[in-house]
Protein backbone atom coordinates (compact mmCIF):
# COMPACT_ATOMS: atom_id res chain seq x y z
CA MET A 1 0.03 0.00 0.05
CA ARG A 2 2.82 2.44 0.89
CA GLU A 3 4.37 1.80 -2.55
CA PHE A 4 1.08 2.44 -4.32
CA LEU A 5 0.55 5.70 -2.42
CA ASP A 6 4.06 6.88 -3.16
CA ASN A 7 3.48 6.15 -6.81
CA ALA A 8 0.11 7.87 -6.77
CA ILE A 9 1.62 10.99 -5.18
CA GLU A 10 4.49 10.97 -7.78
CA GLU A 11 1.87 10.64 -10.58
CA LEU A 12 -0.13 13.64 -9.17
CA SER A 13 2.99 15.83 -9.05
CA THR A 14 3.30 15.50 -12.87
CA GLN A 15 -0.29 16.62 -13.55
CA THR A 16 -1.06 20.08 -14.97
CA PRO A 17 -3.32 22.46 -12.93
CA GLU A 18 -6.21 21.73 -15.37
CA GLN A 19 -5.82 17.89 -14.80
CA LEU A 20 -5.75 18.33 -11.04
CA GLU A 21 -8.93 20.51 -11.34
CA GLN A 22 -10.60 17.64 -13.37
CA LEU A 23 -9.65 15.15 -10.70
CA LYS A 24 -10.97 17.37 -7.97
CA ASN A 25 -14.25 17.85 -9.88
CA LYS A 26 -14.59 14.13 -10.47
CA PHE A 27 -14.08 13.47 -6.82
CA LEU A 28 -16.64 16.08 -5.77
CA GLU A 29 -19.16 14.59 -8.28
CA ALA A 30 -18.58 11.23 -6.70
CA LEU A 31 -19.16 12.65 -3.19
CA ASN A 32 -22.46 14.30 -4.41
CA LEU A 33 -23.59 11.11 -6.04
CA SER A 34 -22.80 9.10 -2.83
CA GLU A 35 -24.95 11.52 -0.84
CA ALA A 36 -27.73 11.31 -3.31
CA ILE A 37 -27.77 7.55 -3.24
CA LEU A 38 -26.66 6.64 0.22
CA GLY A 39 -28.44 9.56 2.01
CA GLN A 40 -27.35 12.86 3.52
CA GLY A 41 -24.97 12.43 6.43
CA HIS A 42 -23.95 8.80 5.67
CA ARG A 43 -20.31 9.84 6.41
CA PHE A 44 -19.07 6.57 4.76
CA SER A 45 -19.97 4.75 7.97
CA ARG A 46 -21.14 1.22 7.58
CA LEU A 47 -23.29 1.53 10.69
CA VAL A 48 -25.02 4.72 9.55
CA ILE A 49 -25.79 3.29 6.21
CA SER A 50 -26.98 -0.04 7.59
CA GLY A 51 -29.25 1.62 10.19
CA SER A 52 -27.29 0.62 13.35
CA LYS A 53 -27.20 3.00 16.27
CA LYS A 54 -23.66 2.01 17.27
CA THR A 55 -20.58 4.18 16.39
CA LYS A 56 -20.86 6.36 13.32
CA LYS A 57 -17.15 6.43 12.47
CA LEU A 58 -15.83 7.03 9.00
CA ASN A 59 -14.82 3.83 7.25
CA GLN A 60 -11.87 4.75 4.98
CA SER A 61 -12.38 1.57 2.93
CA LEU A 62 -15.93 2.61 2.12
CA LEU A 63 -14.77 6.12 1.23
CA ASP A 64 -12.19 4.85 -1.24
CA VAL A 65 -14.33 2.11 -2.95
CA ILE A 66 -17.50 4.33 -3.22
CA THR A 67 -15.85 7.49 -4.45
CA VAL A 68 -13.67 5.60 -7.02
CA CYS A 69 -16.50 3.29 -8.30
CA PHE A 70 -19.02 6.17 -8.45
CA SER A 71 -16.59 8.31 -10.30
CA GLU A 72 -16.33 5.77 -12.92
CA ILE A 73 -20.03 5.54 -13.64
CA ASP A 74 -20.62 7.04 -17.15
CA ASN A 75 -24.38 7.39 -16.92
CA LYS A 76 -24.95 8.86 -13.47
CA SER A 77 -28.61 9.55 -14.07
CA ASN A 78 -29.18 5.81 -14.59
CA ILE A 79 -27.78 4.91 -11.27
CA LEU A 80 -29.68 7.72 -9.70
CA SER A 81 -32.95 6.49 -11.12
CA ASN A 82 -32.16 3.10 -9.53
CA LYS A 83 -30.74 4.48 -6.26
CA GLU A 84 -33.31 2.66 -4.02
CA LYS A 85 -32.42 -0.65 -5.59
CA PHE A 86 -28.62 0.06 -5.21
CA PHE A 87 -28.96 1.16 -1.65
CA ARG A 88 -31.11 -1.84 -0.74
CA LYS A 89 -28.42 -4.23 -2.10
CA PHE A 90 -25.59 -2.22 -0.73
CA LYS A 91 -27.21 -2.32 2.72
CA GLN A 92 -27.55 -6.09 2.48
CA LEU A 93 -23.79 -6.30 1.85
CA LEU A 94 -23.06 -4.11 4.92
CA GLN A 95 -25.43 -6.04 7.20
CA ASN A 96 -23.76 -9.40 6.52
CA ASP A 97 -20.88 -9.35 8.99
CA GLU A 98 -19.54 -12.67 7.68
CA SER A 99 -19.42 -11.79 4.09
CA GLU A 100 -16.30 -11.39 1.95
CA PHE A 101 -17.27 -7.71 1.53
CA SER A 102 -17.55 -7.06 5.22
CA ASP A 103 -14.15 -8.55 5.79
CA SER A 104 -12.68 -6.42 2.93
CA ILE A 105 -13.82 -3.19 4.69
CA THR A 106 -12.99 -4.28 8.23
CA LEU A 107 -10.09 -6.71 8.43
CA GLY A 108 -6.78 -6.04 6.87
CA THR A 109 -8.28 -3.39 4.68
CA SER A 110 -4.99 -2.24 3.13
CA THR A 111 -4.00 -5.72 1.74
CA LYS A 112 -4.11 -6.21 -1.99
CA LYS A 113 -6.75 -8.87 -1.56
CA ALA A 114 -9.03 -6.74 0.45
CA ILE A 115 -8.80 -3.88 -1.85
CA GLU A 116 -9.41 -5.98 -4.91
CA THR A 117 -12.31 -7.75 -3.19
CA ARG A 118 -14.23 -4.59 -2.26
CA PHE A 119 -13.73 -3.00 -5.69
CA ARG A 120 -14.81 -6.26 -7.44
CA ILE A 121 -17.93 -6.50 -5.35
CA ILE A 122 -18.98 -2.86 -5.64
CA MET A 123 -18.30 -2.76 -9.40
CA ALA A 124 -20.36 -5.93 -9.84
CA LEU A 125 -23.18 -4.42 -7.70
CA ILE A 126 -23.24 -1.31 -9.83
CA LYS A 127 -23.23 -3.36 -13.02
CA GLU A 128 -25.97 -5.59 -11.71
CA VAL A 129 -28.17 -2.57 -10.86
CA LEU A 130 -27.53 -0.91 -14.10
CA ASP A 131 -28.14 -4.06 -16.20
CA GLU A 132 -31.55 -4.74 -14.53
CA ASN A 133 -33.03 -1.87 -16.55
């Protein structure tokens, strides 16, 4: 993970101001989309999203997978028109404490396997919801 982050910072340092502005805008769009789909104040907390009254702490793994995956959706209006379906299925993932997804956002979250797992699962979920139309 450290090597990945070092490489990412190095890559960012070669970007033009215009490219950095585009990245910033894409990130902000993903944040807005996450709020529209997951609800205002979700704070990338698996407990807030799943409806638990326990701690409402930011889950960095949810932040990275949601913002990256949402930023890659070409037709954002299509996912917005199916936000209830996405949210329902996403909530099911979060409520299953014994699932591969749950492990990928709570245990050894910076391992290559955990990162690949959560991205694979969320991309598949997005595809499933979009393909159901």
